Amino acid sequence: MTDTIHPGWRGWLKIDQKVDPFLTKKQAAPHYTIDNLFYSKAWQQADADFNYDEYGNNGR
């Protein structure tokens, strides 16, 4: 069976060149804002029909 997604040696070199700056240079720390709704029991027990608008998402 042939590996259909293997990038080959040249491909790995290109990938390494593109990924290297991300790994070796300092990156800004991400800032996340999480709506408190996601900590609620209503959200934890929600099914696929959960209506986010009913729980005060303020238009987000």
N, C-alpha and C. Protein backbone atom coordinates (compact mmCIF):
# COMPACT_ATOMS: atom_id res chain seq x y z
N MET A 1 0.84 -1.18 0.00
CA MET A 1 0.00 0.00 0.00
C MET A 1 0.89 1.25 0.00
N THR A 2 0.55 2.21 -0.80
CA THR A 2 1.34 3.43 -0.92
C THR A 2 0.79 4.50 0.01
N ASP A 3 1.70 5.21 0.65
CA ASP A 3 1.33 6.33 1.51
C ASP A 3 1.01 7.51 0.60
N THR A 4 -0.25 7.89 0.50
CA THR A 4 -0.66 8.92 -0.46
C THR A 4 -0.45 10.34 0.04
N ILE A 5 -0.16 10.51 1.33
CA ILE A 5 0.00 11.87 1.83
C ILE A 5 1.45 12.19 2.22
N HIS A 6 2.36 11.29 1.97
CA HIS A 6 3.75 11.53 2.32
C HIS A 6 4.32 12.63 1.43
N PRO A 7 4.86 13.70 2.02
CA PRO A 7 5.34 14.83 1.21
C PRO A 7 6.69 14.58 0.54
N GLY A 8 7.36 13.49 0.87
CA GLY A 8 8.68 13.24 0.29
C GLY A 8 9.74 14.07 1.01
N TRP A 9 11.01 13.81 0.66
CA TRP A 9 12.11 14.49 1.35
C TRP A 9 12.10 15.99 1.10
N ARG A 10 11.86 16.38 -0.12
CA ARG A 10 11.82 17.82 -0.42
C ARG A 10 10.64 18.49 0.28
N GLY A 11 9.54 17.78 0.35
CA GLY A 11 8.37 18.30 1.04
C GLY A 11 8.63 18.49 2.53
N TRP A 12 9.29 17.50 3.14
CA TRP A 12 9.62 17.63 4.57
C TRP A 12 10.55 18.81 4.80
N LEU A 13 11.48 19.04 3.88
CA LEU A 13 12.39 20.17 4.01
C LEU A 13 11.61 21.48 3.96
N LYS A 14 10.67 21.60 3.03
CA LYS A 14 9.84 22.81 2.93
C LYS A 14 9.00 23.00 4.19
N ILE A 15 8.42 21.91 4.66
CA ILE A 15 7.62 21.99 5.89
C ILE A 15 8.48 22.47 7.05
N ASP A 16 9.68 21.89 7.17
CA ASP A 16 10.58 22.26 8.24
C ASP A 16 10.95 23.74 8.16
N GLN A 17 11.19 24.25 6.96
CA GLN A 17 11.54 25.66 6.79
C GLN A 17 10.39 26.58 7.18
N LYS A 18 9.17 26.18 6.89
CA LYS A 18 8.00 27.00 7.22
C LYS A 18 7.66 26.94 8.71
N VAL A 19 7.84 25.79 9.33
CA VAL A 19 7.47 25.60 10.73
C VAL A 19 8.56 26.14 11.67
N ASP A 20 9.80 26.13 11.25
CA ASP A 20 10.92 26.52 12.11
C ASP A 20 10.73 27.88 12.78
N PRO A 21 10.37 28.95 12.07
CA PRO A 21 10.20 30.24 12.76
C PRO A 21 9.13 30.19 13.85
N PHE A 22 8.09 29.43 13.63
CA PHE A 22 7.03 29.30 14.63
C PHE A 22 7.55 28.64 15.90
N LEU A 23 8.46 27.70 15.75
CA LEU A 23 8.97 26.97 16.90
C LEU A 23 10.16 27.65 17.57
N THR A 24 10.94 28.41 16.83
CA THR A 24 12.17 28.97 17.38
C THR A 24 12.07 30.42 17.80
N LYS A 25 11.07 31.14 17.32
CA LYS A 25 10.91 32.55 17.68
C LYS A 25 9.80 32.71 18.70
N LYS A 26 9.98 33.69 19.57
CA LYS A 26 8.99 33.96 20.62
C LYS A 26 7.66 34.36 19.98
N GLN A 27 6.60 33.74 20.46
CA GLN A 27 5.25 34.02 19.97
C GLN A 27 4.48 34.76 21.06
N ALA A 28 3.62 35.65 20.63
CA ALA A 28 2.76 36.34 21.59
C ALA A 28 1.79 35.35 22.22
N ALA A 29 1.58 35.49 23.51
CA ALA A 29 0.65 34.60 24.20
C ALA A 29 -0.78 34.93 23.78
N PRO A 30 -1.58 33.93 23.47
CA PRO A 30 -2.96 34.20 23.08
C PRO A 30 -3.79 34.68 24.27
N HIS A 31 -4.79 35.46 23.98
CA HIS A 31 -5.71 35.94 25.02
C HIS A 31 -7.10 35.41 24.67
N TYR A 32 -7.66 34.62 25.56
CA TYR A 32 -8.97 34.04 25.32
C TYR A 32 -10.01 34.69 26.22
N THR A 33 -11.17 34.93 25.66
CA THR A 33 -12.31 35.39 26.43
C THR A 33 -13.38 34.31 26.31
N ILE A 34 -13.74 33.71 27.42
CA ILE A 34 -14.71 32.63 27.41
C ILE A 34 -15.98 33.10 28.10
N ASP A 35 -17.08 33.00 27.39
CA ASP A 35 -18.38 33.38 27.93
C ASP A 35 -18.71 32.47 29.12
N ASN A 36 -19.15 33.05 30.22
CA ASN A 36 -19.50 32.28 31.41
C ASN A 36 -20.59 31.24 31.15
N LEU A 37 -21.36 31.42 30.10
CA LEU A 37 -22.39 30.44 29.74
C LEU A 37 -21.79 29.04 29.59
N PHE A 38 -20.57 28.97 29.08
CA PHE A 38 -19.97 27.67 28.83
C PHE A 38 -19.63 26.92 30.11
N TYR A 39 -19.70 27.59 31.25
CA TYR A 39 -19.49 26.94 32.54
C TYR A 39 -20.81 26.55 33.20
N SER A 40 -21.93 26.92 32.60
CA SER A 40 -23.23 26.69 33.22
C SER A 40 -23.70 25.24 33.07
N LYS A 41 -24.57 24.83 33.97
CA LYS A 41 -25.18 23.50 33.89
C LYS A 41 -26.00 23.37 32.61
N ALA A 42 -26.67 24.47 32.22
CA ALA A 42 -27.49 24.43 31.01
C ALA A 42 -26.64 24.06 29.80
N TRP A 43 -25.46 24.62 29.71
CA TRP A 43 -24.57 24.33 28.58
C TRP A 43 -24.02 22.91 28.70
N GLN A 44 -23.64 22.51 29.90
CA GLN A 44 -23.07 21.18 30.09
C GLN A 44 -24.04 20.08 29.72
N GLN A 45 -25.33 20.34 29.95
CA GLN A 45 -26.33 19.31 29.70
C GLN A 45 -27.12 19.56 28.43
N ALA A 46 -26.66 20.49 27.61
CA ALA A 46 -27.39 20.86 26.40
C ALA A 46 -27.35 19.75 25.35
N ASP A 47 -28.43 19.69 24.58
CA ASP A 47 -28.44 18.77 23.45
C ASP A 47 -28.21 19.58 22.17
N ALA A 48 -28.40 18.97 21.04
CA ALA A 48 -28.13 19.62 19.77
C ALA A 48 -29.06 20.80 19.50
N ASP A 49 -30.20 20.85 20.19
CA ASP A 49 -31.17 21.93 19.97
C ASP A 49 -30.98 23.10 20.93
N PHE A 50 -29.88 23.16 21.63
CA PHE A 50 -29.61 24.23 22.60
C PHE A 50 -29.69 25.58 21.89
N ASN A 51 -30.49 26.49 22.45
CA ASN A 51 -30.65 27.82 21.87
C ASN A 51 -29.78 28.81 22.66
N TYR A 52 -28.65 29.10 22.12
CA TYR A 52 -27.68 29.99 22.77
C TYR A 52 -28.28 31.37 23.03
N ASP A 53 -29.14 31.84 22.14
CA ASP A 53 -29.73 33.18 22.28
C ASP A 53 -30.60 33.32 23.52
N GLU A 54 -31.18 32.24 23.98
CA GLU A 54 -32.05 32.30 25.16
C GLU A 54 -31.28 32.53 26.45
N TYR A 55 -29.99 32.36 26.43
CA TYR A 55 -29.20 32.43 27.65
C TYR A 55 -28.33 33.67 27.74
N GLY A 56 -28.78 34.76 27.12
CA GLY A 56 -28.14 36.06 27.30
C GLY A 56 -26.75 36.18 26.72
N ASN A 57 -26.60 35.82 25.46
CA ASN A 57 -25.28 35.94 24.85
C ASN A 57 -24.97 37.35 24.38
N ASN A 58 -25.90 38.28 24.57
CA ASN A 58 -25.69 39.69 24.22
C ASN A 58 -25.28 39.90 22.77
N GLY A 59 -25.84 39.13 21.88
CA GLY A 59 -25.60 39.34 20.45
C GLY A 59 -24.29 38.78 19.94
N ARG A 60 -23.60 37.97 20.74
CA ARG A 60 -22.34 37.40 20.27
C ARG A 60 -22.57 36.22 19.39
